[in-house]
Amino acid sequence: RADDSGIKGLGDLSGETITGDRSSYVEEALAKTGLKARVHIIQTPTKEEAMRLLKSGRVRAALMPRGVGNYLAVREGFAVRTLEVGDPGTLVAFAVKKGRKDILEVLDAAIAALAKSGQIEKTLAAWGH
């Protein structure tokens, strides 16, 4: 939360309860620094639920991609602050059932059109990437 000035880095999460993505880059970073054993991570069924826990103050932090967190915070009506932990980013891909060239061609054409128009870069910039 933006109004929680007590959390400035990963070390400040020691002894705290947090929520969000398991097996994430942040969880790996906590393990590498020896903090994972001192942080209680609650896994929620959805990222929306994780953000509700953060908004209510039941957890001190929520782990999720920055764009998703920013979007959900706006939707939930509260401000968040991002901790930079050197996350290299999460690759995203589309999967198409084998043999469905028709769908693959539509996706390829749409992605090419978005790239050519500059919309991909605009969208990434809007979400802080």
N, C-alpha and C. Protein backbone atom coordinates (compact mmCIF):
# COMPACT_ATOMS: atom_id res chain seq x y z
N ARG A 1 0.84 -1.18 0.00
CA ARG A 1 0.00 0.00 0.00
C ARG A 1 0.88 1.23 0.00
N ALA A 2 0.44 2.24 -0.68
CA ALA A 2 1.22 3.47 -0.77
C ALA A 2 1.37 4.15 0.58
N ASP A 3 0.40 3.97 1.47
CA ASP A 3 0.46 4.62 2.78
C ASP A 3 1.24 3.82 3.83
N ASP A 4 1.83 2.71 3.45
CA ASP A 4 2.62 1.88 4.36
C ASP A 4 4.09 2.20 4.16
N SER A 5 4.59 3.17 4.90
CA SER A 5 5.98 3.61 4.71
C SER A 5 6.97 2.69 5.42
N GLY A 6 6.49 1.70 6.17
CA GLY A 6 7.39 0.82 6.90
C GLY A 6 8.06 -0.24 6.04
N ILE A 7 7.57 -0.44 4.82
CA ILE A 7 8.14 -1.45 3.93
C ILE A 7 8.88 -0.72 2.80
N LYS A 8 10.21 -0.79 2.86
CA LYS A 8 11.03 -0.12 1.85
C LYS A 8 11.82 -1.10 0.99
N GLY A 9 11.94 -2.34 1.46
CA GLY A 9 12.69 -3.35 0.74
C GLY A 9 12.32 -4.73 1.25
N LEU A 10 12.90 -5.75 0.64
CA LEU A 10 12.58 -7.12 1.02
C LEU A 10 12.85 -7.39 2.49
N GLY A 11 13.91 -6.84 3.03
CA GLY A 11 14.27 -7.06 4.43
C GLY A 11 13.18 -6.63 5.40
N ASP A 12 12.39 -5.63 5.00
CA ASP A 12 11.32 -5.13 5.86
C ASP A 12 10.13 -6.08 5.93
N LEU A 13 10.12 -7.12 5.09
CA LEU A 13 9.03 -8.10 5.12
C LEU A 13 9.26 -9.19 6.17
N SER A 14 10.43 -9.21 6.79
CA SER A 14 10.73 -10.21 7.81
C SER A 14 9.71 -10.15 8.93
N GLY A 15 9.12 -11.31 9.24
CA GLY A 15 8.12 -11.39 10.30
C GLY A 15 6.72 -10.98 9.86
N GLU A 16 6.56 -10.64 8.59
CA GLU A 16 5.27 -10.16 8.09
C GLU A 16 4.52 -11.25 7.34
N THR A 17 3.22 -11.03 7.17
CA THR A 17 2.38 -11.89 6.35
C THR A 17 2.14 -11.17 5.03
N ILE A 18 2.38 -11.88 3.94
CA ILE A 18 2.19 -11.31 2.61
C ILE A 18 1.35 -12.30 1.80
N THR A 19 0.94 -11.90 0.63
CA THR A 19 0.15 -12.76 -0.22
C THR A 19 0.56 -12.62 -1.67
N GLY A 20 0.18 -13.58 -2.47
CA GLY A 20 0.43 -13.47 -3.90
C GLY A 20 1.02 -14.70 -4.52
N ASP A 21 1.67 -14.46 -5.64
CA ASP A 21 2.18 -15.54 -6.48
C ASP A 21 3.22 -16.39 -5.77
N ARG A 22 3.03 -17.69 -5.82
CA ARG A 22 4.04 -18.63 -5.34
C ARG A 22 5.00 -18.92 -6.49
N SER A 23 6.19 -19.35 -6.16
CA SER A 23 7.22 -19.67 -7.15
C SER A 23 7.52 -18.48 -8.05
N SER A 24 7.43 -17.29 -7.49
CA SER A 24 7.70 -16.07 -8.26
C SER A 24 9.16 -15.67 -8.08
N TYR A 25 9.57 -14.68 -8.86
CA TYR A 25 10.91 -14.14 -8.73
C TYR A 25 11.13 -13.59 -7.32
N VAL A 26 10.11 -12.94 -6.75
CA VAL A 26 10.25 -12.36 -5.41
C VAL A 26 10.42 -13.46 -4.37
N GLU A 27 9.67 -14.53 -4.51
CA GLU A 27 9.82 -15.64 -3.56
C GLU A 27 11.23 -16.23 -3.66
N GLU A 28 11.77 -16.34 -4.87
CA GLU A 28 13.15 -16.80 -5.05
C GLU A 28 14.13 -15.84 -4.38
N ALA A 29 13.87 -14.53 -4.54
CA ALA A 29 14.75 -13.53 -3.93
C ALA A 29 14.69 -13.62 -2.41
N LEU A 30 13.51 -13.86 -1.86
CA LEU A 30 13.39 -14.05 -0.41
C LEU A 30 14.19 -15.26 0.04
N ALA A 31 14.13 -16.34 -0.72
CA ALA A 31 14.87 -17.55 -0.38
C ALA A 31 16.38 -17.30 -0.44
N LYS A 32 16.84 -16.62 -1.47
CA LYS A 32 18.28 -16.36 -1.63
C LYS A 32 18.84 -15.50 -0.51
N THR A 33 18.01 -14.60 0.03
CA THR A 33 18.47 -13.73 1.10
C THR A 33 18.23 -14.32 2.48
N GLY A 34 17.63 -15.52 2.53
CA GLY A 34 17.35 -16.16 3.81
C GLY A 34 16.10 -15.64 4.49
N LEU A 35 15.34 -14.82 3.81
CA LEU A 35 14.14 -14.23 4.43
C LEU A 35 12.89 -15.09 4.29
N LYS A 36 12.90 -16.02 3.35
CA LYS A 36 11.68 -16.79 3.08
C LYS A 36 11.17 -17.50 4.33
N ALA A 37 12.05 -18.00 5.15
CA ALA A 37 11.65 -18.71 6.36
C ALA A 37 11.04 -17.76 7.39
N ARG A 38 11.28 -16.46 7.24
CA ARG A 38 10.77 -15.48 8.22
C ARG A 38 9.58 -14.68 7.69
N VAL A 39 9.07 -15.07 6.51
CA VAL A 39 7.91 -14.39 5.91
C VAL A 39 6.81 -15.42 5.71
N HIS A 40 5.60 -15.10 6.16
CA HIS A 40 4.47 -16.00 5.98
C HIS A 40 3.74 -15.60 4.70
N ILE A 41 3.68 -16.50 3.72
CA ILE A 41 3.04 -16.22 2.44
C ILE A 41 1.70 -16.94 2.38
N ILE A 42 0.63 -16.16 2.23
CA ILE A 42 -0.71 -16.71 2.06
C ILE A 42 -1.00 -16.78 0.58
N GLN A 43 -1.37 -17.94 0.10
CA GLN A 43 -1.75 -18.07 -1.30
C GLN A 43 -3.27 -17.91 -1.40
N THR A 44 -3.72 -17.05 -2.30
CA THR A 44 -5.14 -16.80 -2.48
C THR A 44 -5.59 -17.41 -3.81
N PRO A 45 -6.89 -17.67 -3.94
CA PRO A 45 -7.37 -18.25 -5.20
C PRO A 45 -7.26 -17.29 -6.39
N THR A 46 -7.27 -15.98 -6.12
CA THR A 46 -7.19 -15.00 -7.20
C THR A 46 -6.32 -13.82 -6.78
N LYS A 47 -5.83 -13.10 -7.75
CA LYS A 47 -5.08 -11.88 -7.46
C LYS A 47 -6.01 -10.81 -6.89
N GLU A 48 -7.28 -10.83 -7.30
CA GLU A 48 -8.25 -9.89 -6.76
C GLU A 48 -8.37 -10.06 -5.25
N GLU A 49 -8.42 -11.32 -4.79
CA GLU A 49 -8.50 -11.58 -3.36
C GLU A 49 -7.22 -11.12 -2.66
N ALA A 50 -6.07 -11.33 -3.28
CA ALA A 50 -4.81 -10.86 -2.70
C ALA A 50 -4.84 -9.35 -2.50
N MET A 51 -5.37 -8.63 -3.49
CA MET A 51 -5.43 -7.17 -3.37
C MET A 51 -6.44 -6.74 -2.31
N ARG A 52 -7.52 -7.48 -2.14
CA ARG A 52 -8.48 -7.14 -1.08
C ARG A 52 -7.83 -7.32 0.30
N LEU A 53 -7.01 -8.37 0.45
CA LEU A 53 -6.29 -8.57 1.71
C LEU A 53 -5.32 -7.42 1.97
N LEU A 54 -4.65 -6.97 0.93
CA LEU A 54 -3.72 -5.84 1.07
C LEU A 54 -4.48 -4.57 1.45
N LYS A 55 -5.56 -4.31 0.74
CA LYS A 55 -6.35 -3.11 1.02
C LYS A 55 -6.86 -3.10 2.46
N SER A 56 -7.28 -4.27 2.95
CA SER A 56 -7.84 -4.36 4.31
C SER A 56 -6.76 -4.27 5.39
N GLY A 57 -5.50 -4.43 4.99
CA GLY A 57 -4.42 -4.40 5.97
C GLY A 57 -4.12 -5.76 6.59
N ARG A 58 -4.78 -6.81 6.13
CA ARG A 58 -4.55 -8.15 6.68
C ARG A 58 -3.19 -8.70 6.26
N VAL A 59 -2.61 -8.17 5.18
CA VAL A 59 -1.26 -8.53 4.76
C VAL A 59 -0.49 -7.23 4.52
N ARG A 60 0.84 -7.31 4.58
CA ARG A 60 1.66 -6.11 4.39
C ARG A 60 2.07 -5.90 2.94
N ALA A 61 2.01 -6.97 2.13
CA ALA A 61 2.43 -6.86 0.73
C ALA A 61 1.72 -7.93 -0.09
N ALA A 62 1.60 -7.66 -1.39
CA ALA A 62 1.02 -8.61 -2.32
C ALA A 62 2.01 -8.79 -3.47
N LEU A 63 2.33 -10.04 -3.78
CA LEU A 63 3.26 -10.35 -4.86
C LEU A 63 2.47 -10.63 -6.13
N MET A 64 2.74 -9.86 -7.17
CA MET A 64 2.10 -10.08 -8.47
C MET A 64 2.78 -9.18 -9.48
N PRO A 65 2.57 -9.44 -10.76
CA PRO A 65 3.14 -8.55 -11.78
C PRO A 65 2.67 -7.11 -11.56
N ARG A 66 3.56 -6.16 -11.78
CA ARG A 66 3.30 -4.75 -11.53
C ARG A 66 2.04 -4.26 -12.24
N GLY A 67 1.90 -4.59 -13.51
CA GLY A 67 0.74 -4.12 -14.26
C GLY A 67 -0.56 -4.63 -13.68
N VAL A 68 -0.57 -5.88 -13.28
CA VAL A 68 -1.77 -6.48 -12.67
C VAL A 68 -2.08 -5.79 -11.35
N GLY A 69 -1.05 -5.60 -10.53
CA GLY A 69 -1.23 -4.94 -9.24
C GLY A 69 -1.74 -3.51 -9.38
N ASN A 70 -1.16 -2.77 -10.31
CA ASN A 70 -1.61 -1.39 -10.53
C ASN A 70 -3.07 -1.35 -10.99
N TYR A 71 -3.41 -2.22 -11.92
CA TYR A 71 -4.78 -2.28 -12.43
C TYR A 71 -5.77 -2.61 -11.31
N LEU A 72 -5.45 -3.65 -10.51
CA LEU A 72 -6.36 -4.05 -9.45
C LEU A 72 -6.46 -3.01 -8.34
N ALA A 73 -5.37 -2.31 -8.05
CA ALA A 73 -5.42 -1.26 -7.04
C ALA A 73 -6.35 -0.14 -7.47
N VAL A 74 -6.28 0.25 -8.74
CA VAL A 74 -7.19 1.28 -9.26
C VAL A 74 -8.62 0.78 -9.15
N ARG A 75 -8.84 -0.45 -9.55
CA ARG A 75 -10.19 -1.02 -9.51
C ARG A 75 -10.72 -1.11 -8.07
N GLU A 76 -9.83 -1.42 -7.12
CA GLU A 76 -10.23 -1.52 -5.71
C GLU A 76 -10.26 -0.16 -5.02
N GLY A 77 -9.72 0.88 -5.69
CA GLY A 77 -9.79 2.23 -5.14
C GLY A 77 -8.77 2.57 -4.08
N PHE A 78 -7.55 2.07 -4.23
CA PHE A 78 -6.50 2.48 -3.30
C PHE A 78 -5.16 2.51 -4.04
N ALA A 79 -4.23 3.24 -3.46
CA ALA A 79 -2.92 3.42 -4.09
C ALA A 79 -1.94 2.38 -3.56
N VAL A 80 -1.05 1.94 -4.44
CA VAL A 80 0.00 1.00 -4.05
C VAL A 80 1.36 1.58 -4.39
N ARG A 81 2.35 1.03 -3.75
CA ARG A 81 3.74 1.40 -4.00
C ARG A 81 4.47 0.13 -4.40
N THR A 82 5.34 0.23 -5.39
CA THR A 82 6.07 -0.93 -5.89
C THR A 82 7.44 -1.01 -5.25
N LEU A 83 7.80 -2.21 -4.83
CA LEU A 83 9.16 -2.47 -4.37
C LEU A 83 9.95 -3.01 -5.54
N GLU A 84 11.02 -2.36 -5.88
CA GLU A 84 11.87 -2.85 -6.97
C GLU A 84 12.81 -3.91 -6.42
N VAL A 85 12.72 -5.09 -6.98
CA VAL A 85 13.55 -6.20 -6.51
C VAL A 85 14.38 -6.79 -7.65
N GLY A 86 14.46 -6.08 -8.77
CA GLY A 86 15.28 -6.55 -9.87
C GLY A 86 14.63 -7.63 -10.70
N ASP A 87 13.31 -7.74 -10.63
CA ASP A 87 12.60 -8.77 -11.39
C ASP A 87 12.85 -8.60 -12.88
N PRO A 88 13.32 -9.65 -13.54
CA PRO A 88 13.60 -9.55 -14.96
C PRO A 88 12.35 -9.54 -15.83
N GLY A 89 11.19 -9.67 -15.22
CA GLY A 89 9.95 -9.70 -15.99
C GLY A 89 9.51 -11.13 -16.24
N THR A 90 8.26 -11.27 -16.49
CA THR A 90 7.69 -12.58 -16.74
C THR A 90 7.30 -12.67 -18.20
N LEU A 91 7.80 -13.68 -18.87
CA LEU A 91 7.45 -13.88 -20.26
C LEU A 91 6.00 -14.35 -20.37
N VAL A 92 5.32 -13.87 -21.38
CA VAL A 92 3.94 -14.24 -21.61
C VAL A 92 3.85 -14.86 -22.99
N ALA A 93 3.03 -15.89 -23.12
CA ALA A 93 2.90 -16.56 -24.41
C ALA A 93 1.45 -16.94 -24.65
N PHE A 94 1.12 -17.16 -25.89
CA PHE A 94 -0.17 -17.69 -26.29
C PHE A 94 0.03 -19.14 -26.69
N ALA A 95 -0.86 -20.01 -26.26
CA ALA A 95 -0.81 -21.42 -26.66
C ALA A 95 -1.99 -21.69 -27.59
N VAL A 96 -1.70 -22.37 -28.67
CA VAL A 96 -2.73 -22.71 -29.64
C VAL A 96 -2.70 -24.23 -29.80
N LYS A 97 -3.89 -24.82 -29.75
CA LYS A 97 -4.00 -26.27 -29.89
C LYS A 97 -3.37 -26.72 -31.21
N LYS A 98 -2.59 -27.78 -31.12
CA LYS A 98 -1.91 -28.32 -32.30
C LYS A 98 -2.93 -28.56 -33.43
N GLY A 99 -2.53 -28.11 -34.62
CA GLY A 99 -3.38 -28.28 -35.79
C GLY A 99 -4.33 -27.13 -36.05
N ARG A 100 -4.39 -26.13 -35.16
CA ARG A 100 -5.30 -25.00 -35.34
C ARG A 100 -4.57 -23.83 -35.99
N LYS A 101 -4.12 -24.05 -37.22
CA LYS A 101 -3.42 -23.00 -37.96
C LYS A 101 -4.28 -21.76 -38.14
N ASP A 102 -5.59 -21.94 -38.24
CA ASP A 102 -6.49 -20.80 -38.42
C ASP A 102 -6.38 -19.83 -37.24
N ILE A 103 -6.36 -20.35 -36.04
CA ILE A 103 -6.24 -19.50 -34.85
C ILE A 103 -4.85 -18.89 -34.78
N LEU A 104 -3.83 -19.69 -35.07
CA LEU A 104 -2.45 -19.20 -35.05
C LEU A 104 -2.26 -18.04 -36.03
N GLU A 105 -2.83 -18.16 -37.21
CA GLU A 105 -2.72 -17.09 -38.21
C GLU A 105 -3.41 -15.81 -37.75
N VAL A 106 -4.57 -15.94 -37.11
CA VAL A 106 -5.28 -14.76 -36.58
C VAL A 106 -4.45 -14.08 -35.50
N LEU A 107 -3.91 -14.87 -34.57
CA LEU A 107 -3.07 -14.31 -33.50
C LEU A 107 -1.82 -13.64 -34.07
N ASP A 108 -1.14 -14.31 -34.98
CA ASP A 108 0.07 -13.74 -35.59
C ASP A 108 -0.24 -12.42 -36.28
N ALA A 109 -1.35 -12.37 -37.01
CA ALA A 109 -1.72 -11.14 -37.73
C ALA A 109 -2.05 -10.01 -36.74
N ALA A 110 -2.77 -10.35 -35.68
CA ALA A 110 -3.13 -9.33 -34.69
C ALA A 110 -1.89 -8.78 -33.98
N ILE A 111 -0.98 -9.66 -33.60
CA ILE A 111 0.25 -9.22 -32.93
C ILE A 111 1.10 -8.36 -33.86
N ALA A 112 1.20 -8.76 -35.12
CA ALA A 112 1.96 -7.98 -36.10
C ALA A 112 1.34 -6.59 -36.28
N ALA A 113 0.02 -6.53 -36.34
CA ALA A 113 -0.65 -5.23 -36.50
C ALA A 113 -0.43 -4.35 -35.27
N LEU A 114 -0.49 -4.93 -34.08
CA LEU A 114 -0.25 -4.16 -32.86
C LEU A 114 1.19 -3.65 -32.81
N ALA A 115 2.13 -4.49 -33.19
CA ALA A 115 3.54 -4.08 -33.20
C ALA A 115 3.76 -2.96 -34.21
N LYS A 116 3.20 -3.11 -35.41
CA LYS A 116 3.40 -2.11 -36.46
C LYS A 116 2.79 -0.76 -36.06
N SER A 117 1.67 -0.78 -35.38
CA SER A 117 0.99 0.47 -34.99
C SER A 117 1.65 1.15 -33.79
N GLY A 118 2.52 0.43 -33.10
CA GLY A 118 3.15 0.99 -31.90
C GLY A 118 2.33 0.78 -30.64
N GLN A 119 1.20 0.09 -30.76
CA GLN A 119 0.32 -0.10 -29.62
C GLN A 119 0.93 -0.96 -28.52
N ILE A 120 1.76 -1.92 -28.89
CA ILE A 120 2.39 -2.76 -27.86
C ILE A 120 3.28 -1.91 -26.96
N GLU A 121 4.10 -1.05 -27.56
CA GLU A 121 4.97 -0.19 -26.78
C GLU A 121 4.17 0.78 -25.92
N LYS A 122 3.08 1.34 -26.46
CA LYS A 122 2.23 2.27 -25.69
C LYS A 122 1.62 1.56 -24.49
N THR A 123 1.15 0.35 -24.70
CA THR A 123 0.53 -0.41 -23.62
C THR A 123 1.55 -0.75 -22.54
N LEU A 124 2.73 -1.20 -22.96
CA LEU A 124 3.78 -1.51 -21.98
C LEU A 124 4.15 -0.28 -21.17
N ALA A 125 4.28 0.85 -21.83
CA ALA A 125 4.64 2.09 -21.14
C ALA A 125 3.54 2.50 -20.16
N ALA A 126 2.28 2.31 -20.56
CA ALA A 126 1.17 2.68 -19.69
C ALA A 126 1.14 1.84 -18.42
N TRP A 127 1.65 0.61 -18.50
CA TRP A 127 1.65 -0.28 -17.34
C TRP A 127 3.00 -0.29 -16.63
N GLY A 128 3.86 0.66 -16.96
CA GLY A 128 5.11 0.80 -16.24
C GLY A 128 6.21 -0.14 -16.65
N HIS A 129 6.20 -0.60 -17.91
CA HIS A 129 7.25 -1.50 -18.38
C HIS A 129 8.07 -0.85 -19.46
